[in-house]
Amino acid sequence: MPKSKALIGLRSICDYLQVSRKVFYDLVDKGLPVKRLGNRWVSHTEVLDKYFEKAVEVEKET
């Protein structure tokens, strides 16, 4: 998927991560880097990629 500086919403985040909304909310509770704008969840794909890259690095260290 092409990288963009545009914000993506909940449905697009779930599609990008290939997860259900329930898993999305579980990930939010665990620190997924998303923000609330009014009643919408938003993030950037680059931020999500960095979050998971860091998580993989931490997993490899343990």
PDB file of N, CA and C in Angstrom:
ATOM      1  N   MET A   1       0.847  -1.177   0.000  1.00  0.00           N
ATOM      2  CA  MET A   1       0.000   0.000   0.000  1.00  0.00           C
ATOM      3  C   MET A   1       0.890   1.238   0.000  1.00  0.00           C
ATOM      4  N   PRO A   2       0.601   2.243  -0.833  1.00  0.00           N
ATOM      5  CA  PRO A   2       1.441   3.441  -0.884  1.00  0.00           C
ATOM      6  C   PRO A   2       1.383   4.229   0.409  1.00  0.00           C
ATOM      7  N   LYS A   3       2.509   4.801   0.776  1.00  0.00           N
ATOM      8  CA  LYS A   3       2.580   5.614   1.981  1.00  0.00           C
ATOM      9  C   LYS A   3       2.004   6.986   1.684  1.00  0.00           C
ATOM     10  N   SER A   4       1.355   7.578   2.682  1.00  0.00           N
ATOM     11  CA  SER A   4       0.754   8.885   2.511  1.00  0.00           C
ATOM     12  C   SER A   4       0.810   9.631   3.825  1.00  0.00           C
ATOM     13  N   LYS A   5       0.898  10.960   3.737  1.00  0.00           N
ATOM     14  CA  LYS A   5       0.874  11.771   4.941  1.00  0.00           C
ATOM     15  C   LYS A   5      -0.553  12.079   5.362  1.00  0.00           C
ATOM     16  N   ALA A   6      -1.524  11.650   4.561  1.00  0.00           N
ATOM     17  CA  ALA A   6      -2.927  11.878   4.887  1.00  0.00           C
ATOM     18  C   ALA A   6      -3.342  10.988   6.054  1.00  0.00           C
ATOM     19  N   LEU A   7      -4.245  11.496   6.859  1.00  0.00           N
ATOM     20  CA  LEU A   7      -4.791  10.698   7.947  1.00  0.00           C
ATOM     21  C   LEU A   7      -5.759   9.669   7.383  1.00  0.00           C
ATOM     22  N   ILE A   8      -5.746   8.485   7.971  1.00  0.00           N
ATOM     23  CA  ILE A   8      -6.728   7.471   7.597  1.00  0.00           C
ATOM     24  C   ILE A   8      -7.608   7.198   8.805  1.00  0.00           C
ATOM     25  N   GLY A   9      -8.839   6.810   8.549  1.00  0.00           N
ATOM     26  CA  GLY A   9      -9.817   6.573   9.602  1.00  0.00           C
ATOM     27  C   GLY A   9      -9.871   5.121  10.041  1.00  0.00           C
ATOM     28  N   LEU A  10     -10.793   4.845  10.939  1.00  0.00           N
ATOM     29  CA  LEU A  10     -10.922   3.520  11.555  1.00  0.00           C
ATOM     30  C   LEU A  10     -11.038   2.397  10.526  1.00  0.00           C
ATOM     31  N   ARG A  11     -11.944   2.527   9.582  1.00  0.00           N
ATOM     32  CA  ARG A  11     -12.131   1.456   8.595  1.00  0.00           C
ATOM     33  C   ARG A  11     -10.852   1.225   7.795  1.00  0.00           C
ATOM     34  N   SER A  12     -10.203   2.312   7.390  1.00  0.00           N
ATOM     35  CA  SER A  12      -8.963   2.179   6.612  1.00  0.00           C
ATOM     36  C   SER A  12      -7.827   1.615   7.454  1.00  0.00           C
ATOM     37  N   ILE A  13      -7.779   1.988   8.735  1.00  0.00           N
ATOM     38  CA  ILE A  13      -6.763   1.432   9.636  1.00  0.00           C
ATOM     39  C   ILE A  13      -6.961  -0.074   9.757  1.00  0.00           C
ATOM     40  N   CYS A  14      -8.202  -0.502   9.981  1.00  0.00           N
ATOM     41  CA  CYS A  14      -8.489  -1.937  10.094  1.00  0.00           C
ATOM     42  C   CYS A  14      -8.139  -2.670   8.802  1.00  0.00           C
ATOM     43  N   ASP A  15      -8.482  -2.069   7.662  1.00  0.00           N
ATOM     44  CA  ASP A  15      -8.132  -2.683   6.374  1.00  0.00           C
ATOM     45  C   ASP A  15      -6.621  -2.761   6.211  1.00  0.00           C
ATOM     46  N   TYR A  16      -5.920  -1.688   6.553  1.00  0.00           N
ATOM     47  CA  TYR A  16      -4.462  -1.632   6.404  1.00  0.00           C
ATOM     48  C   TYR A  16      -3.782  -2.693   7.269  1.00  0.00           C
ATOM     49  N   LEU A  17      -4.269  -2.843   8.508  1.00  0.00           N
ATOM     50  CA  LEU A  17      -3.677  -3.814   9.434  1.00  0.00           C
ATOM     51  C   LEU A  17      -4.263  -5.211   9.261  1.00  0.00           C
ATOM     52  N   GLN A  18      -5.318  -5.316   8.488  1.00  0.00           N
ATOM     53  CA  GLN A  18      -6.027  -6.578   8.272  1.00  0.00           C
ATOM     54  C   GLN A  18      -6.508  -7.172   9.588  1.00  0.00           C
ATOM     55  N   VAL A  19      -7.198  -6.325  10.362  1.00  0.00           N
ATOM     56  CA  VAL A  19      -7.750  -6.754  11.643  1.00  0.00           C
ATOM     57  C   VAL A  19      -9.210  -6.322  11.736  1.00  0.00           C
ATOM     58  N   SER A  20      -9.937  -6.960  12.647  1.00  0.00           N
ATOM     59  CA  SER A  20     -11.321  -6.577  12.906  1.00  0.00           C
ATOM     60  C   SER A  20     -11.349  -5.341  13.809  1.00  0.00           C
ATOM     61  N   ARG A  21     -12.526  -4.750  13.950  1.00  0.00           N
ATOM     62  CA  ARG A  21     -12.658  -3.602  14.856  1.00  0.00           C
ATOM     63  C   ARG A  21     -12.356  -4.008  16.292  1.00  0.00           C
ATOM     64  N   LYS A  22     -12.762  -5.215  16.688  1.00  0.00           N
ATOM     65  CA  LYS A  22     -12.481  -5.666  18.053  1.00  0.00           C
ATOM     66  C   LYS A  22     -10.978  -5.715  18.294  1.00  0.00           C
ATOM     67  N   VAL A  23     -10.239  -6.289  17.358  1.00  0.00           N
ATOM     68  CA  VAL A  23      -8.779  -6.352  17.490  1.00  0.00           C
ATOM     69  C   VAL A  23      -8.196  -4.945  17.484  1.00  0.00           C
ATOM     70  N   PHE A  24      -8.745  -4.051  16.660  1.00  0.00           N
ATOM     71  CA  PHE A  24      -8.298  -2.654  16.650  1.00  0.00           C
ATOM     72  C   PHE A  24      -8.402  -2.061  18.053  1.00  0.00           C
ATOM     73  N   TYR A  25      -9.557  -2.208  18.691  1.00  0.00           N
ATOM     74  CA  TYR A  25      -9.739  -1.630  20.026  1.00  0.00           C
ATOM     75  C   TYR A  25      -8.822  -2.293  21.055  1.00  0.00           C
ATOM     76  N   ASP A  26      -8.573  -3.591  20.917  1.00  0.00           N
ATOM     77  CA  ASP A  26      -7.605  -4.267  21.792  1.00  0.00           C
ATOM     78  C   ASP A  26      -6.210  -3.668  21.597  1.00  0.00           C
ATOM     79  N   LEU A  27      -5.833  -3.409  20.348  1.00  0.00           N
ATOM     80  CA  LEU A  27      -4.529  -2.807  20.061  1.00  0.00           C
ATOM     81  C   LEU A  27      -4.442  -1.382  20.594  1.00  0.00           C
ATOM     82  N   VAL A  28      -5.536  -0.635  20.522  1.00  0.00           N
ATOM     83  CA  VAL A  28      -5.563   0.723  21.084  1.00  0.00           C
ATOM     84  C   VAL A  28      -5.273   0.656  22.579  1.00  0.00           C
ATOM     85  N   ASP A  29      -5.897  -0.292  23.274  1.00  0.00           N
ATOM     86  CA  ASP A  29      -5.655  -0.464  24.714  1.00  0.00           C
ATOM     87  C   ASP A  29      -4.202  -0.810  25.009  1.00  0.00           C
ATOM     88  N   LYS A  30      -3.523  -1.440  24.047  1.00  0.00           N
ATOM     89  CA  LYS A  30      -2.123  -1.832  24.228  1.00  0.00           C
ATOM     90  C   LYS A  30      -1.140  -0.792  23.709  1.00  0.00           C
ATOM     91  N   GLY A  31      -1.652   0.365  23.232  1.00  0.00           N
ATOM     92  CA  GLY A  31      -0.755   1.442  22.841  1.00  0.00           C
ATOM     93  C   GLY A  31      -0.653   1.749  21.360  1.00  0.00           C
ATOM     94  N   LEU A  32      -1.554   1.210  20.544  1.00  0.00           N
ATOM     95  CA  LEU A  32      -1.529   1.516  19.115  1.00  0.00           C
ATOM     96  C   LEU A  32      -1.570   3.031  18.928  1.00  0.00           C
ATOM     97  N   PRO A  33      -0.656   3.591  18.126  1.00  0.00           N
ATOM     98  CA  PRO A  33      -0.559   5.047  17.988  1.00  0.00           C
ATOM     99  C   PRO A  33      -1.648   5.638  17.086  1.00  0.00           C
ATOM    100  N   VAL A  34      -2.820   5.822  17.678  1.00  0.00           N
ATOM    101  CA  VAL A  34      -3.940   6.457  16.989  1.00  0.00           C
ATOM    102  C   VAL A  34      -4.424   7.621  17.840  1.00  0.00           C
ATOM    103  N   LYS A  35      -5.128   8.537  17.220  1.00  0.00           N
ATOM    104  CA  LYS A  35      -5.655   9.713  17.920  1.00  0.00           C
ATOM    105  C   LYS A  35      -7.148   9.818  17.669  1.00  0.00           C
ATOM    106  N   ARG A  36      -7.820  10.504  18.590  1.00  0.00           N
ATOM    107  CA  ARG A  36      -9.232  10.813  18.401  1.00  0.00           C
ATOM    108  C   ARG A  36      -9.345  12.238  17.889  1.00  0.00           C
ATOM    109  N   LEU A  37     -10.046  12.418  16.792  1.00  0.00           N
ATOM    110  CA  LEU A  37     -10.408  13.739  16.294  1.00  0.00           C
ATOM    111  C   LEU A  37     -11.928  13.796  16.355  1.00  0.00           C
ATOM    112  N   GLY A  38     -12.430  14.447  17.389  1.00  0.00           N
ATOM    113  CA  GLY A  38     -13.872  14.407  17.613  1.00  0.00           C
ATOM    114  C   GLY A  38     -14.262  12.990  17.975  1.00  0.00           C
ATOM    115  N   ASN A  39     -15.126  12.400  17.166  1.00  0.00           N
ATOM    116  CA  ASN A  39     -15.533  11.015  17.440  1.00  0.00           C
ATOM    117  C   ASN A  39     -14.885  10.025  16.472  1.00  0.00           C
ATOM    118  N   ARG A  40     -13.831  10.453  15.763  1.00  0.00           N
ATOM    119  CA  ARG A  40     -13.159   9.595  14.780  1.00  0.00           C
ATOM    120  C   ARG A  40     -11.777   9.178  15.259  1.00  0.00           C
ATOM    121  N   TRP A  41     -11.410   7.911  14.999  1.00  0.00           N
ATOM    122  CA  TRP A  41     -10.052   7.427  15.224  1.00  0.00           C
ATOM    123  C   TRP A  41      -9.264   7.664  13.948  1.00  0.00           C
ATOM    124  N   VAL A  42      -8.051   8.224  14.069  1.00  0.00           N
ATOM    125  CA  VAL A  42      -7.220   8.482  12.891  1.00  0.00           C
ATOM    126  C   VAL A  42      -5.757   8.173  13.186  1.00  0.00           C
ATOM    127  N   SER A  43      -5.005   7.935  12.117  1.00  0.00           N
ATOM    128  CA  SER A  43      -3.563   7.732  12.222  1.00  0.00           C
ATOM    129  C   SER A  43      -2.970   7.854  10.821  1.00  0.00           C
ATOM    130  N   HIS A  44      -1.652   7.737  10.747  1.00  0.00           N
ATOM    131  CA  HIS A  44      -0.924   7.709   9.480  1.00  0.00           C
ATOM    132  C   HIS A  44      -0.370   6.301   9.298  1.00  0.00           C
ATOM    133  N   THR A  45      -0.326   5.819   8.070  1.00  0.00           N
ATOM    134  CA  THR A  45       0.222   4.483   7.825  1.00  0.00           C
ATOM    135  C   THR A  45       1.686   4.405   8.244  1.00  0.00           C
ATOM    136  N   GLU A  46       2.433   5.496   8.057  1.00  0.00           N
ATOM    137  CA  GLU A  46       3.853   5.494   8.434  1.00  0.00           C
ATOM    138  C   GLU A  46       4.016   5.288   9.939  1.00  0.00           C
ATOM    139  N   VAL A  47       3.154   5.917  10.723  1.00  0.00           N
ATOM    140  CA  VAL A  47       3.211   5.792  12.181  1.00  0.00           C
ATOM    141  C   VAL A  47       2.877   4.359  12.593  1.00  0.00           C
ATOM    142  N   LEU A  48       1.883   3.781  11.962  1.00  0.00           N
ATOM    143  CA  LEU A  48       1.507   2.400  12.270  1.00  0.00           C
ATOM    144  C   LEU A  48       2.640   1.441  11.917  1.00  0.00           C
ATOM    145  N   ASP A  49       3.267   1.654  10.756  1.00  0.00           N
ATOM    146  CA  ASP A  49       4.388   0.800  10.347  1.00  0.00           C
ATOM    147  C   ASP A  49       5.535   0.872  11.350  1.00  0.00           C
ATOM    148  N   LYS A  50       5.882   2.072  11.787  1.00  0.00           N
ATOM    149  CA  LYS A  50       6.973   2.245  12.756  1.00  0.00           C
ATOM    150  C   LYS A  50       6.646   1.555  14.074  1.00  0.00           C
ATOM    151  N   TYR A  51       5.394   1.648  14.506  1.00  0.00           N
ATOM    152  CA  TYR A  51       4.964   1.005  15.751  1.00  0.00           C
ATOM    153  C   TYR A  51       5.188  -0.509  15.680  1.00  0.00           C
ATOM    154  N   PHE A  52       4.773  -1.117  14.575  1.00  0.00           N
ATOM    155  CA  PHE A  52       4.918  -2.566  14.460  1.00  0.00           C
ATOM    156  C   PHE A  52       6.360  -2.983  14.202  1.00  0.00           C
ATOM    157  N   GLU A  53       7.141  -2.162  13.511  1.00  0.00           N
ATOM    158  CA  GLU A  53       8.568  -2.460  13.339  1.00  0.00           C
ATOM    159  C   GLU A  53       9.262  -2.480  14.692  1.00  0.00           C
ATOM    160  N   LYS A  54       8.938  -1.517  15.544  1.00  0.00           N
ATOM    161  CA  LYS A  54       9.527  -1.465  16.880  1.00  0.00           C
ATOM    162  C   LYS A  54       9.086  -2.672  17.706  1.00  0.00           C
ATOM    163  N   ALA A  55       7.827  -3.058  17.589  1.00  0.00           N
ATOM    164  CA  ALA A  55       7.322  -4.214  18.328  1.00  0.00           C
ATOM    165  C   ALA A  55       8.048  -5.487  17.913  1.00  0.00           C
ATOM    166  N   VAL A  56       8.340  -5.624  16.632  1.00  0.00           N
ATOM    167  CA  VAL A  56       9.063  -6.798  16.138  1.00  0.00           C
ATOM    168  C   VAL A  56      10.488  -6.798  16.679  1.00  0.00           C
ATOM    169  N   GLU A  57      11.130  -5.622  16.719  1.00  0.00           N
ATOM    170  CA  GLU A  57      12.489  -5.523  17.262  1.00  0.00           C
ATOM    171  C   GLU A  57      12.520  -5.928  18.728  1.00  0.00           C
ATOM    172  N   VAL A  58      11.560  -5.475  19.502  1.00  0.00           N
ATOM    173  CA  VAL A  58      11.490  -5.815  20.923  1.00  0.00           C
ATOM    174  C   VAL A  58      11.274  -7.313  21.080  1.00  0.00           C
ATOM    175  N   GLU A  59      10.415  -7.887  20.244  1.00  0.00           N
ATOM    176  CA  GLU A  59      10.144  -9.324  20.296  1.00  0.00           C
ATOM    177  C   GLU A  59      11.415 -10.126  20.002  1.00  0.00           C
ATOM    178  N   LYS A  60      12.223  -9.667  19.054  1.00  0.00           N
ATOM    179  CA  LYS A  60      13.458 -10.371  18.706  1.00  0.00           C
ATOM    180  C   LYS A  60      14.481 -10.312  19.832  1.00  0.00           C
ATOM    181  N   GLU A  61      14.455  -9.229  20.620  1.00  0.00           N
ATOM    182  CA  GLU A  61      15.418  -9.063  21.712  1.00  0.00           C
ATOM    183  C   GLU A  61      15.110  -9.972  22.896  1.00  0.00           C
ATOM    184  N   THR A  62      13.863 -10.400  23.031  1.00  0.00           N
ATOM    185  CA  THR A  62      13.499 -11.219  24.197  1.00  0.00           C
ATOM    186  C   THR A  62      13.614 -12.681  23.913  1.00  0.00           C
TER     187      THR A  62
END
